[in-house]
Amino acid sequence: MAEILNVEIAQRLREVAALLQEQGANPFRLQAYRHAADTVQRLDRPAAEIVKAEGMEGLRKLPGIGESLARSIRDLIVTGRLPMLDRLRGETDHVAVLASVPGIGEATAKRLHHDLGIDTLEELETAAHDGRLSEIEGIGPKKLAGIIDSLAGRLGRVRGRTGAAAAHGAPKIAKPADPRLRQFRAAFNAVLGNLAEQVARDGEGARKLVEIEVEGAVSKASARRIAMSIANSPLVKTAIAGEDANWGRVVMAVGKAGEPADRDKLSIWFNGIRVAHKGARDPAYDEARVSERMKAQKISMKVELGLGRGADRVLTCDLTKEYVAINGDYRS
């Protein structure tokens, strides 16, 4: 496959924006695609070269390109297709989707699509269980079992194996306290945590993920309000964008939360380094060491209030010049 040119990537992104606009999508989303298109078209090197050398990390470094857009551009470069654009055009290749399942070649996929009217993996799974798939020439019991297992694995990652678990003989769990739920609960919470992190990483113009932990508050609710005050502070977020461990702005955000706090008991950490202790700069503060840590793409901030046992954690992102560019370059 020939290397896709930057101008072609930009054209596809602009087409996505145009089709989304026809559907009445959020203007911020439209502008994000248009801004990404402009960024890619202005590059002085092929985007494909960036992906080859640095992967998605290289794309995320570009102005106005967050996690989601970086992934879309990477997929377009690697596969030549932009799934979002295919969906908006109504051009999803159903045969290719079916043929991606182990045990189903292109010829069988065409028969399933044209003869049985199967377009999706969900419809294929239904046909596998209701007997229609076993009637297709070349699909015997062993191959059918392999197809069912493959579909259960792929679809299970999307829907938590609803229905598929029972089909595979998994016992019914009726009580929330059932110990067999522990593994599922841990996995489910991991998925939710990952999704939350992706949302924060994908902020408009964002370059850094920011994790804020508040401990020692008078209650969990108080810790949450303080953490949110820090996370929503433009002064804190811009300081992080500038790679400045500005603990004074964190103190300000704690104070404006309106929750119990004592400056003289306050301690603050950035990426594991304590920068403030008992309301003053930490005696062991090392500017060079802290500045180096602030260059990381994930910033972990910890605030210890020293008042109680309340604790909570929130995620946010930095606030960059690209955010202003994205939201200042269009008219509603």
C-alpha atoms as a PDB file:
ATOM      1  CA  MET A   1       0.000   0.000   0.000  1.00  0.00           C
ATOM      2  CA  ALA A   2       1.396   3.381  -1.052  1.00  0.00           C
ATOM      3  CA  GLU A   3       2.198   5.820   1.728  1.00  0.00           C
ATOM      4  CA  ILE A   4      -0.701   8.205   2.275  1.00  0.00           C
ATOM      5  CA  LEU A   5       0.166  11.883   1.832  1.00  0.00           C
ATOM      6  CA  ASN A   6      -0.468  14.572   4.425  1.00  0.00           C
ATOM      7  CA  VAL A   7      -2.836  16.374   2.075  1.00  0.00           C
ATOM      8  CA  GLU A   8      -4.899  13.181   1.705  1.00  0.00           C
ATOM      9  CA  ILE A   9      -5.119  12.761   5.481  1.00  0.00           C
ATOM     10  CA  ALA A  10      -6.228  16.387   5.793  1.00  0.00           C
ATOM     11  CA  GLN A  11      -8.883  15.888   3.098  1.00  0.00           C
ATOM     12  CA  ARG A  12     -10.343  12.868   4.925  1.00  0.00           C
ATOM     13  CA  LEU A  13     -10.431  14.724   8.251  1.00  0.00           C
ATOM     14  CA  ARG A  14     -12.193  17.692   6.633  1.00  0.00           C
ATOM     15  CA  GLU A  15     -14.709  15.342   5.041  1.00  0.00           C
ATOM     16  CA  VAL A  16     -15.456  13.878   8.487  1.00  0.00           C
ATOM     17  CA  ALA A  17     -16.034  17.424   9.793  1.00  0.00           C
ATOM     18  CA  ALA A  18     -18.346  18.247   6.870  1.00  0.00           C
ATOM     19  CA  LEU A  19     -20.420  15.086   7.336  1.00  0.00           C
ATOM     20  CA  LEU A  20     -20.635  15.633  11.088  1.00  0.00           C
ATOM     21  CA  GLN A  21     -21.820  19.183  10.456  1.00  0.00           C
ATOM     22  CA  GLU A  22     -24.603  17.858   8.227  1.00  0.00           C
ATOM     23  CA  GLN A  23     -25.703  15.705  11.172  1.00  0.00           C
ATOM     24  CA  GLY A  24     -25.746  18.682  13.533  1.00  0.00           C
ATOM     25  CA  ALA A  25     -22.777  17.501  15.613  1.00  0.00           C
ATOM     26  CA  ASN A  26     -21.205  19.554  18.382  1.00  0.00           C
ATOM     27  CA  PRO A  27     -19.253  22.480  16.836  1.00  0.00           C
ATOM     28  CA  PHE A  28     -16.303  21.809  19.149  1.00  0.00           C
ATOM     29  CA  ARG A  29     -16.000  18.355  17.621  1.00  0.00           C
ATOM     30  CA  LEU A  30     -16.143  19.752  14.091  1.00  0.00           C
ATOM     31  CA  GLN A  31     -13.439  22.282  14.865  1.00  0.00           C
ATOM     32  CA  ALA A  32     -11.224  19.589  16.374  1.00  0.00           C
ATOM     33  CA  TYR A  33     -11.233  17.658  13.060  1.00  0.00           C
ATOM     34  CA  ARG A  34     -10.665  20.818  11.023  1.00  0.00           C
ATOM     35  CA  HIS A  35      -7.847  21.972  13.272  1.00  0.00           C
ATOM     36  CA  ALA A  36      -6.231  18.524  13.047  1.00  0.00           C
ATOM     37  CA  ALA A  37      -6.515  18.671   9.252  1.00  0.00           C
ATOM     38  CA  ASP A  38      -4.756  22.051   9.179  1.00  0.00           C
ATOM     39  CA  THR A  39      -2.048  20.776  11.525  1.00  0.00           C
ATOM     40  CA  VAL A  40      -1.329  17.695   9.399  1.00  0.00           C
ATOM     41  CA  GLN A  41      -1.330  19.639   6.132  1.00  0.00           C
ATOM     42  CA  ARG A  42       1.179  22.162   7.534  1.00  0.00           C
ATOM     43  CA  LEU A  43       3.649  19.492   8.683  1.00  0.00           C
ATOM     44  CA  ASP A  44       7.128  19.720   7.186  1.00  0.00           C
ATOM     45  CA  ARG A  45       7.441  15.912   7.172  1.00  0.00           C
ATOM     46  CA  PRO A  46       5.062  13.074   6.277  1.00  0.00           C
ATOM     47  CA  ALA A  47       2.713  12.062   9.103  1.00  0.00           C
ATOM     48  CA  ALA A  48       3.410   8.465   8.101  1.00  0.00           C
ATOM     49  CA  GLU A  49       7.073   9.056   8.876  1.00  0.00           C
ATOM     50  CA  ILE A  50       6.139  10.372  12.337  1.00  0.00           C
ATOM     51  CA  VAL A  51       4.060   7.262  13.027  1.00  0.00           C
ATOM     52  CA  LYS A  52       6.861   4.999  11.836  1.00  0.00           C
ATOM     53  CA  ALA A  53       9.456   6.729  14.025  1.00  0.00           C
ATOM     54  CA  GLU A  54       7.435   7.642  17.124  1.00  0.00           C
ATOM     55  CA  GLY A  55       4.071   5.881  16.878  1.00  0.00           C
ATOM     56  CA  MET A  56       0.975   7.550  18.294  1.00  0.00           C
ATOM     57  CA  GLU A  57       3.174   9.391  20.761  1.00  0.00           C
ATOM     58  CA  GLY A  58       4.547  11.472  17.894  1.00  0.00           C
ATOM     59  CA  LEU A  59       1.037  12.358  16.697  1.00  0.00           C
ATOM     60  CA  ARG A  60      -0.088  13.338  20.207  1.00  0.00           C
ATOM     61  CA  LYS A  61       2.732  15.874  20.338  1.00  0.00           C
ATOM     62  CA  LEU A  62       1.220  17.777  17.420  1.00  0.00           C
ATOM     63  CA  PRO A  63      -0.846  20.897  18.256  1.00  0.00           C
ATOM     64  CA  GLY A  64      -4.525  20.163  18.819  1.00  0.00           C
ATOM     65  CA  ILE A  65      -4.298  16.391  18.311  1.00  0.00           C
ATOM     66  CA  GLY A  66      -5.432  14.359  21.302  1.00  0.00           C
ATOM     67  CA  GLU A  67      -5.657  10.625  21.913  1.00  0.00           C
ATOM     68  CA  SER A  68      -8.755   9.952  19.783  1.00  0.00           C
ATOM     69  CA  LEU A  69      -7.624  11.943  16.731  1.00  0.00           C
ATOM     70  CA  ALA A  70      -4.111  10.503  16.971  1.00  0.00           C
ATOM     71  CA  ARG A  71      -5.583   7.002  16.911  1.00  0.00           C
ATOM     72  CA  SER A  72      -7.756   7.816  13.888  1.00  0.00           C
ATOM     73  CA  ILE A  73      -4.836   9.308  11.962  1.00  0.00           C
ATOM     74  CA  ARG A  74      -2.633   6.333  12.874  1.00  0.00           C
ATOM     75  CA  ASP A  75      -5.313   3.895  11.654  1.00  0.00           C
ATOM     76  CA  LEU A  76      -5.678   5.839   8.406  1.00  0.00           C
ATOM     77  CA  ILE A  77      -1.922   5.713   7.803  1.00  0.00           C
ATOM     78  CA  VAL A  78      -1.616   2.013   8.648  1.00  0.00           C
ATOM     79  CA  THR A  79      -4.786   0.646   7.017  1.00  0.00           C
ATOM     80  CA  GLY A  80      -5.689   3.312   4.492  1.00  0.00           C
ATOM     81  CA  ARG A  81      -9.166   3.586   6.029  1.00  0.00           C
ATOM     82  CA  LEU A  82     -10.780   5.946   8.511  1.00  0.00           C
ATOM     83  CA  PRO A  83     -13.560   3.985  10.296  1.00  0.00           C
ATOM     84  CA  MET A  84     -15.377   7.170  11.339  1.00  0.00           C
ATOM     85  CA  LEU A  85     -15.499   8.318   7.714  1.00  0.00           C
ATOM     86  CA  ASP A  86     -16.660   4.902   6.524  1.00  0.00           C
ATOM     87  CA  ARG A  87     -19.540   5.000   9.013  1.00  0.00           C
ATOM     88  CA  LEU A  88     -20.524   8.541   8.052  1.00  0.00           C
ATOM     89  CA  ARG A  89     -20.427   7.649   4.353  1.00  0.00           C
ATOM     90  CA  GLY A  90     -22.325   4.423   4.985  1.00  0.00           C
ATOM     91  CA  GLU A  91     -19.514   2.512   3.298  1.00  0.00           C
ATOM     92  CA  THR A  92     -18.590  -0.066   5.927  1.00  0.00           C
ATOM     93  CA  ASP A  93     -17.187  -3.130   4.154  1.00  0.00           C
ATOM     94  CA  HIS A  94     -19.428  -5.845   5.628  1.00  0.00           C
ATOM     95  CA  VAL A  95     -17.619  -8.648   3.820  1.00  0.00           C
ATOM     96  CA  ALA A  96     -14.277  -7.527   5.236  1.00  0.00           C
ATOM     97  CA  VAL A  97     -15.770  -7.404   8.744  1.00  0.00           C
ATOM     98  CA  LEU A  98     -17.074 -10.963   8.467  1.00  0.00           C
ATOM     99  CA  ALA A  99     -13.893 -12.248   6.842  1.00  0.00           C
ATOM    100  CA  SER A 100     -11.868 -10.916   9.792  1.00  0.00           C
ATOM    101  CA  VAL A 101     -13.227 -13.776  11.933  1.00  0.00           C
ATOM    102  CA  PRO A 102     -10.870 -16.796  11.988  1.00  0.00           C
ATOM    103  CA  GLY A 103     -12.421 -19.672  10.058  1.00  0.00           C
ATOM    104  CA  ILE A 104     -14.377 -17.444   7.656  1.00  0.00           C
ATOM    105  CA  GLY A 105     -12.612 -16.633   4.416  1.00  0.00           C
ATOM    106  CA  GLU A 106     -13.638 -14.018   1.867  1.00  0.00           C
ATOM    107  CA  ALA A 107     -15.731 -16.439  -0.189  1.00  0.00           C
ATOM    108  CA  THR A 108     -17.706 -17.609   2.852  1.00  0.00           C
ATOM    109  CA  ALA A 109     -18.087 -14.005   4.040  1.00  0.00           C
ATOM    110  CA  LYS A 110     -19.630 -13.072   0.686  1.00  0.00           C
ATOM    111  CA  ARG A 111     -22.121 -15.967   0.940  1.00  0.00           C
ATOM    112  CA  LEU A 112     -23.060 -14.950   4.485  1.00  0.00           C
ATOM    113  CA  HIS A 113     -23.565 -11.367   3.422  1.00  0.00           C
ATOM    114  CA  HIS A 114     -25.408 -11.957   0.151  1.00  0.00           C
ATOM    115  CA  ASP A 115     -27.325 -15.178   0.919  1.00  0.00           C
ATOM    116  CA  LEU A 116     -28.122 -14.789   4.618  1.00  0.00           C
ATOM    117  CA  GLY A 117     -28.111 -10.989   4.803  1.00  0.00           C
ATOM    118  CA  ILE A 118     -25.548 -10.947   7.617  1.00  0.00           C
ATOM    119  CA  ASP A 119     -23.744  -7.608   8.000  1.00  0.00           C
ATOM    120  CA  THR A 120     -22.355  -7.511  11.535  1.00  0.00           C
ATOM    121  CA  LEU A 121     -20.495  -9.726  13.987  1.00  0.00           C
ATOM    122  CA  GLU A 122     -23.542  -9.681  16.263  1.00  0.00           C
ATOM    123  CA  GLU A 123     -25.712 -11.057  13.442  1.00  0.00           C
ATOM    124  CA  LEU A 124     -23.038 -13.637  12.673  1.00  0.00           C
ATOM    125  CA  GLU A 125     -23.058 -14.803  16.288  1.00  0.00           C
ATOM    126  CA  THR A 126     -26.842 -15.189  16.199  1.00  0.00           C
ATOM    127  CA  ALA A 127     -26.576 -17.270  13.031  1.00  0.00           C
ATOM    128  CA  ALA A 128     -23.900 -19.421  14.685  1.00  0.00           C
ATOM    129  CA  HIS A 129     -26.236 -20.255  17.563  1.00  0.00           C
ATOM    130  CA  ASP A 130     -29.527 -20.632  15.675  1.00  0.00           C
ATOM    131  CA  GLY A 131     -28.165 -23.220  13.210  1.00  0.00           C
ATOM    132  CA  ARG A 132     -27.981 -21.148  10.025  1.00  0.00           C
ATOM    133  CA  LEU A 133     -24.194 -20.991  10.037  1.00  0.00           C
ATOM    134  CA  SER A 134     -23.808 -24.781  10.302  1.00  0.00           C
ATOM    135  CA  GLU A 135     -25.781 -25.097   7.057  1.00  0.00           C
ATOM    136  CA  ILE A 136     -23.089 -23.254   5.127  1.00  0.00           C
ATOM    137  CA  GLU A 137     -20.854 -25.610   3.127  1.00  0.00           C
ATOM    138  CA  GLY A 138     -17.403 -25.944   4.644  1.00  0.00           C
ATOM    139  CA  ILE A 139     -18.433 -25.016   8.199  1.00  0.00           C
ATOM    140  CA  GLY A 140     -18.408 -28.216  10.229  1.00  0.00           C
ATOM    141  CA  PRO A 141     -18.823 -28.656  14.002  1.00  0.00           C
ATOM    142  CA  LYS A 142     -15.145 -27.992  14.777  1.00  0.00           C
ATOM    143  CA  LYS A 143     -14.953 -24.824  12.687  1.00  0.00           C
ATOM    144  CA  LEU A 144     -18.295 -23.628  14.035  1.00  0.00           C
ATOM    145  CA  ALA A 145     -17.053 -24.025  17.616  1.00  0.00           C
ATOM    146  CA  GLY A 146     -13.934 -22.012  16.743  1.00  0.00           C
ATOM    147  CA  ILE A 147     -16.030 -19.246  15.192  1.00  0.00           C
ATOM    148  CA  ILE A 148     -18.297 -19.098  18.247  1.00  0.00           C
ATOM    149  CA  ASP A 149     -15.301 -18.870  20.584  1.00  0.00           C
ATOM    150  CA  SER A 150     -13.704 -16.146  18.484  1.00  0.00           C
ATOM    151  CA  LEU A 151     -16.911 -14.111  18.376  1.00  0.00           C
ATOM    152  CA  ALA A 152     -17.456 -14.537  22.094  1.00  0.00           C
ATOM    153  CA  GLY A 153     -13.994 -13.163  22.759  1.00  0.00           C
ATOM    154  CA  ARG A 154     -14.281 -10.196  20.394  1.00  0.00           C
ATOM    155  CA  LEU A 155     -17.820  -9.198  21.258  1.00  0.00           C
ATOM    156  CA  GLY A 156     -17.278  -9.930  24.937  1.00  0.00           C
ATOM    157  CA  ARG A 157     -14.673  -7.163  25.114  1.00  0.00           C
ATOM    158  CA  VAL A 158     -17.362  -4.745  23.995  1.00  0.00           C
ATOM    159  CA  ARG A 159     -20.387  -5.899  25.942  1.00  0.00           C
ATOM    160  CA  GLY A 160     -18.984  -7.759  28.926  1.00  0.00           C
ATOM    161  CA  ARG A 161     -19.924 -11.150  27.429  1.00  0.00           C
ATOM    162  CA  THR A 162     -23.644 -10.570  28.032  1.00  0.00           C
ATOM    163  CA  GLY A 163     -25.424 -13.734  26.898  1.00  0.00           C
ATOM    164  CA  ALA A 164     -22.235 -15.317  25.586  1.00  0.00           C
ATOM    165  CA  ALA A 165     -21.182 -16.368  29.091  1.00  0.00           C
ATOM    166  CA  ALA A 166     -24.392 -18.332  29.611  1.00  0.00           C
ATOM    167  CA  ALA A 167     -24.029 -19.881  26.163  1.00  0.00           C
ATOM    168  CA  HIS A 168     -20.633 -21.187  27.231  1.00  0.00           C
ATOM    169  CA  GLY A 169     -21.947 -22.743  30.432  1.00  0.00           C
ATOM    170  CA  ALA A 170     -20.962 -20.010  32.889  1.00  0.00           C
ATOM    171  CA  PRO A 171     -23.072 -20.266  36.087  1.00  0.00           C
ATOM    172  CA  LYS A 172     -25.623 -17.596  36.873  1.00  0.00           C
ATOM    173  CA  ILE A 173     -24.602 -15.181  39.623  1.00  0.00           C
ATOM    174  CA  ALA A 174     -27.571 -13.742  41.503  1.00  0.00           C
ATOM    175  CA  LYS A 175     -26.039 -12.156  44.610  1.00  0.00           C
ATOM    176  CA  PRO A 176     -23.790  -9.049  44.570  1.00  0.00           C
ATOM    177  CA  ALA A 177     -21.730 -10.564  47.403  1.00  0.00           C
ATOM    178  CA  ASP A 178     -20.896 -13.708  45.404  1.00  0.00           C
ATOM    179  CA  PRO A 179     -17.079 -14.097  45.590  1.00  0.00           C
ATOM    180  CA  ARG A 180     -17.032 -15.132  41.920  1.00  0.00           C
ATOM    181  CA  LEU A 181     -17.813 -11.504  41.068  1.00  0.00           C
ATOM    182  CA  ARG A 182     -14.521 -10.224  42.429  1.00  0.00           C
ATOM    183  CA  GLN A 183     -12.535 -10.868  39.272  1.00  0.00           C
ATOM    184  CA  PHE A 184     -15.284  -9.412  37.080  1.00  0.00           C
ATOM    185  CA  ARG A 185     -15.638  -6.371  39.343  1.00  0.00           C
ATOM    186  CA  ALA A 186     -11.901  -5.726  39.207  1.00  0.00           C
ATOM    187  CA  ALA A 187     -11.859  -6.041  35.410  1.00  0.00           C
ATOM    188  CA  PHE A 188     -14.964  -3.883  35.025  1.00  0.00           C
ATOM    189  CA  ASN A 189     -13.501  -1.149  37.227  1.00  0.00           C
ATOM    190  CA  ALA A 190     -10.269  -1.323  35.220  1.00  0.00           C
ATOM    191  CA  VAL A 191     -12.222  -0.745  32.004  1.00  0.00           C
ATOM    192  CA  LEU A 192     -14.103   2.204  33.499  1.00  0.00           C
ATOM    193  CA  GLY A 193     -10.848   3.652  34.799  1.00  0.00           C
ATOM    194  CA  ASN A 194      -9.253   3.301  31.386  1.00  0.00           C
ATOM    195  CA  LEU A 195     -12.204   5.009  29.700  1.00  0.00           C
ATOM    196  CA  ALA A 196     -12.076   7.874  32.200  1.00  0.00           C
ATOM    197  CA  GLU A 197      -8.364   8.295  31.517  1.00  0.00           C
ATOM    198  CA  GLN A 198      -8.975   8.359  27.752  1.00  0.00           C
ATOM    199  CA  VAL A 199     -11.586  11.100  28.183  1.00  0.00           C
ATOM    200  CA  ALA A 200      -9.118  13.216  30.167  1.00  0.00           C
ATOM    201  CA  ARG A 201      -6.267  12.582  27.709  1.00  0.00           C
ATOM    202  CA  ASP A 202      -8.490  13.548  24.787  1.00  0.00           C
ATOM    203  CA  GLY A 203      -9.181  17.084  26.035  1.00  0.00           C
ATOM    204  CA  GLU A 204      -8.992  19.731  23.312  1.00  0.00           C
ATOM    205  CA  GLY A 205      -5.362  20.699  22.830  1.00  0.00           C
ATOM    206  CA  ALA A 206      -4.307  18.551  25.787  1.00  0.00           C
ATOM    207  CA  ARG A 207      -0.725  17.358  26.072  1.00  0.00           C
ATOM    208  CA  LYS A 208      -0.619  16.006  29.616  1.00  0.00           C
ATOM    209  CA  LEU A 209      -2.824  13.730  31.687  1.00  0.00           C
ATOM    210  CA  VAL A 210      -3.134  15.022  35.251  1.00  0.00           C
ATOM    211  CA  GLU A 211      -4.000  12.799  38.221  1.00  0.00           C
ATOM    212  CA  ILE A 212      -4.960  14.589  41.437  1.00  0.00           C
ATOM    213  CA  GLU A 213      -5.107  12.759  44.764  1.00  0.00           C
ATOM    214  CA  VAL A 214      -6.359  14.511  47.872  1.00  0.00           C
ATOM    215  CA  GLU A 215      -5.791  12.853  51.251  1.00  0.00           C
ATOM    216  CA  GLY A 216      -6.298  13.843  54.874  1.00  0.00           C
ATOM    217  CA  ALA A 217      -9.564  15.704  54.304  1.00  0.00           C
ATOM    218  CA  VAL A 218     -12.370  15.769  56.876  1.00  0.00           C
ATOM    219  CA  SER A 219     -14.474  13.508  54.618  1.00  0.00           C
ATOM    220  CA  LYS A 220     -14.476  11.847  51.199  1.00  0.00           C
ATOM    221  CA  ALA A 221     -16.981  14.443  49.944  1.00  0.00           C
ATOM    222  CA  SER A 222     -14.701  17.241  51.090  1.00  0.00           C
ATOM    223  CA  ALA A 223     -11.717  15.592  49.410  1.00  0.00           C
ATOM    224  CA  ARG A 224     -13.699  15.318  46.157  1.00  0.00           C
ATOM    225  CA  ARG A 225     -14.655  19.014  46.190  1.00  0.00           C
ATOM    226  CA  ILE A 226     -11.060  20.048  46.830  1.00  0.00           C
ATOM    227  CA  ALA A 227      -9.755  17.741  44.098  1.00  0.00           C
ATOM    228  CA  MET A 228     -12.303  19.124  41.637  1.00  0.00           C
ATOM    229  CA  SER A 229     -11.368  22.682  42.581  1.00  0.00           C
ATOM    230  CA  ILE A 230      -7.748  21.907  41.710  1.00  0.00           C
ATOM    231  CA  ALA A 231      -8.688  20.029  38.536  1.00  0.00           C
ATOM    232  CA  ASN A 232     -10.909  22.866  37.266  1.00  0.00           C
ATOM    233  CA  SER A 233      -8.479  25.681  38.064  1.00  0.00           C
ATOM    234  CA  PRO A 234      -7.228  27.351  34.847  1.00  0.00           C
ATOM    235  CA  LEU A 235      -4.187  28.641  36.745  1.00  0.00           C
ATOM    236  CA  VAL A 236      -3.201  25.139  37.864  1.00  0.00           C
ATOM    237  CA  LYS A 237      -3.861  23.645  34.424  1.00  0.00           C
ATOM    238  CA  THR A 238      -1.848  26.312  32.575  1.00  0.00           C
ATOM    239  CA  ALA A 239       1.030  25.937  35.031  1.00  0.00           C
ATOM    240  CA  ILE A 240       1.133  22.221  34.220  1.00  0.00           C
ATOM    241  CA  ALA A 241       1.044  23.007  30.507  1.00  0.00           C
ATOM    242  CA  GLY A 242       4.074  25.210  31.113  1.00  0.00           C
ATOM    243  CA  GLU A 243       5.736  22.377  33.077  1.00  0.00           C
ATOM    244  CA  ASP A 244       5.826  24.514  36.203  1.00  0.00           C
ATOM    245  CA  ALA A 245       5.286  22.833  39.596  1.00  0.00           C
ATOM    246  CA  ASN A 246       3.543  25.942  40.871  1.00  0.00           C
ATOM    247  CA  TRP A 247       2.380  24.740  44.274  1.00  0.00           C
ATOM    248  CA  GLY A 248       1.170  28.214  45.204  1.00  0.00           C
ATOM    249  CA  ARG A 249      -1.611  27.877  42.632  1.00  0.00           C
ATOM    250  CA  VAL A 250      -2.546  24.531  44.139  1.00  0.00           C
ATOM    251  CA  VAL A 251      -2.812  26.161  47.561  1.00  0.00           C
ATOM    252  CA  MET A 252      -5.064  28.801  46.003  1.00  0.00           C
ATOM    253  CA  ALA A 253      -7.310  26.115  44.485  1.00  0.00           C
ATOM    254  CA  VAL A 254      -7.538  24.299  47.824  1.00  0.00           C
ATOM    255  CA  GLY A 255      -8.557  27.530  49.521  1.00  0.00           C
ATOM    256  CA  LYS A 256     -11.254  28.466  47.009  1.00  0.00           C
ATOM    257  CA  ALA A 257     -12.918  25.065  47.356  1.00  0.00           C
ATOM    258  CA  GLY A 258     -14.610  26.337  50.515  1.00  0.00           C
ATOM    259  CA  GLU A 259     -13.740  23.183  52.462  1.00  0.00           C
ATOM    260  CA  PRO A 260     -11.905  22.834  55.779  1.00  0.00           C
ATOM    261  CA  ALA A 261      -8.165  23.301  55.208  1.00  0.00           C
ATOM    262  CA  ASP A 262      -5.197  24.558  57.201  1.00  0.00           C
ATOM    263  CA  ARG A 263      -2.374  26.055  55.172  1.00  0.00           C
ATOM    264  CA  ASP A 264       0.168  25.206  57.883  1.00  0.00           C
ATOM    265  CA  LYS A 265      -0.695  21.494  57.624  1.00  0.00           C
ATOM    266  CA  LEU A 266      -0.674  21.345  53.838  1.00  0.00           C
ATOM    267  CA  SER A 267       1.828  19.209  51.884  1.00  0.00           C
ATOM    268  CA  ILE A 268       1.977  18.916  48.084  1.00  0.00           C
ATOM    269  CA  TRP A 269       3.751  16.464  45.752  1.00  0.00           C
ATOM    270  CA  PHE A 270       4.339  16.568  41.979  1.00  0.00           C
ATOM    271  CA  ASN A 271       5.240  13.213  40.406  1.00  0.00           C
ATOM    272  CA  GLY A 272       6.428  11.826  43.716  1.00  0.00           C
ATOM    273  CA  ILE A 273       8.511  14.838  44.756  1.00  0.00           C
ATOM    274  CA  ARG A 274       7.310  16.824  47.766  1.00  0.00           C
ATOM    275  CA  VAL A 275       7.487  20.496  46.833  1.00  0.00           C
ATOM    276  CA  ALA A 276       5.633  21.981  49.814  1.00  0.00           C
ATOM    277  CA  HIS A 277       5.437  20.911  53.453  1.00  0.00           C
ATOM    278  CA  LYS A 278       3.424  22.478  56.278  1.00  0.00           C
ATOM    279  CA  GLY A 279       2.414  25.389  54.092  1.00  0.00           C
ATOM    280  CA  ALA A 280       5.911  26.332  52.954  1.00  0.00           C
ATOM    281  CA  ARG A 281       8.394  25.248  50.302  1.00  0.00           C
ATOM    282  CA  ASP A 282       9.920  21.880  51.135  1.00  0.00           C
ATOM    283  CA  PRO A 283      13.420  22.309  52.636  1.00  0.00           C
ATOM    284  CA  ALA A 284      14.771  19.714  50.198  1.00  0.00           C
ATOM    285  CA  TYR A 285      13.186  21.364  47.140  1.00  0.00           C
ATOM    286  CA  ASP A 286      15.365  20.934  44.016  1.00  0.00           C
ATOM    287  CA  GLU A 287      14.219  23.058  41.070  1.00  0.00           C
ATOM    288  CA  ALA A 288      16.169  21.097  38.454  1.00  0.00           C
ATOM    289  CA  ARG A 289      14.864  17.739  39.667  1.00  0.00           C
ATOM    290  CA  VAL A 290      11.266  18.941  39.816  1.00  0.00           C
ATOM    291  CA  SER A 291      11.469  20.614  36.380  1.00  0.00           C
ATOM    292  CA  GLU A 292      12.710  17.378  34.844  1.00  0.00           C
ATOM    293  CA  ARG A 293       9.786  15.437  36.362  1.00  0.00           C
ATOM    294  CA  MET A 294       7.297  18.007  35.024  1.00  0.00           C
ATOM    295  CA  LYS A 295       8.284  17.156  31.433  1.00  0.00           C
ATOM    296  CA  ALA A 296       6.453  13.835  31.750  1.00  0.00           C
ATOM    297  CA  GLN A 297       3.198  13.353  29.835  1.00  0.00           C
ATOM    298  CA  LYS A 298       1.441  12.219  32.999  1.00  0.00           C
ATOM    299  CA  ILE A 299       1.555  14.448  36.044  1.00  0.00           C
ATOM    300  CA  SER A 300       0.558  12.940  39.388  1.00  0.00           C
ATOM    301  CA  MET A 301      -0.290  15.534  42.009  1.00  0.00           C
ATOM    302  CA  LYS A 302      -0.891  14.666  45.644  1.00  0.00           C
ATOM    303  CA  VAL A 303      -2.264  17.007  48.304  1.00  0.00           C
ATOM    304  CA  GLU A 304      -2.200  16.038  51.985  1.00  0.00           C
ATOM    305  CA  LEU A 305      -4.435  18.181  54.211  1.00  0.00           C
ATOM    306  CA  GLY A 306      -3.602  16.573  57.542  1.00  0.00           C
ATOM    307  CA  LEU A 307      -7.114  16.993  58.956  1.00  0.00           C
ATOM    308  CA  GLY A 308      -8.765  13.568  58.743  1.00  0.00           C
ATOM    309  CA  ARG A 309      -9.050  10.384  56.701  1.00  0.00           C
ATOM    310  CA  GLY A 310     -11.112  11.591  53.738  1.00  0.00           C
ATOM    311  CA  ALA A 311      -9.546  10.895  50.339  1.00  0.00           C
ATOM    312  CA  ASP A 312     -10.478  10.995  46.669  1.00  0.00           C
ATOM    313  CA  ARG A 313      -8.915  11.034  43.206  1.00  0.00           C
ATOM    314  CA  VAL A 314      -9.828  12.824  39.970  1.00  0.00           C
ATOM    315  CA  LEU A 315      -8.353  13.079  36.472  1.00  0.00           C
ATOM    316  CA  THR A 316      -8.006  16.130  34.274  1.00  0.00           C
ATOM    317  CA  CYS A 317      -5.642  17.509  31.624  1.00  0.00           C
ATOM    318  CA  ASP A 318      -3.510  20.585  31.105  1.00  0.00           C
ATOM    319  CA  LEU A 319      -4.765  23.774  29.440  1.00  0.00           C
ATOM    320  CA  THR A 320      -2.674  24.768  26.412  1.00  0.00           C
ATOM    321  CA  LYS A 321      -2.507  27.458  23.762  1.00  0.00           C
ATOM    322  CA  GLU A 322      -3.992  24.938  21.349  1.00  0.00           C
ATOM    323  CA  TYR A 323      -7.201  24.896  23.407  1.00  0.00           C
ATOM    324  CA  VAL A 324      -7.590  28.623  22.759  1.00  0.00           C
ATOM    325  CA  ALA A 325      -6.799  28.140  19.075  1.00  0.00           C
ATOM    326  CA  ILE A 326      -9.354  25.359  18.681  1.00  0.00           C
ATOM    327  CA  ASN A 327     -12.121  27.270  20.443  1.00  0.00           C
ATOM    328  CA  GLY A 328     -11.275  30.712  19.080  1.00  0.00           C
ATOM    329  CA  ASP A 329     -10.981  29.890  15.380  1.00  0.00           C
ATOM    330  CA  TYR A 330     -14.609  29.194  14.539  1.00  0.00           C
ATOM    331  CA  ARG A 331     -17.974  30.919  14.702  1.00  0.00           C
ATOM    332  CA  SER A 332     -21.130  29.216  15.951  1.00  0.00           C
END
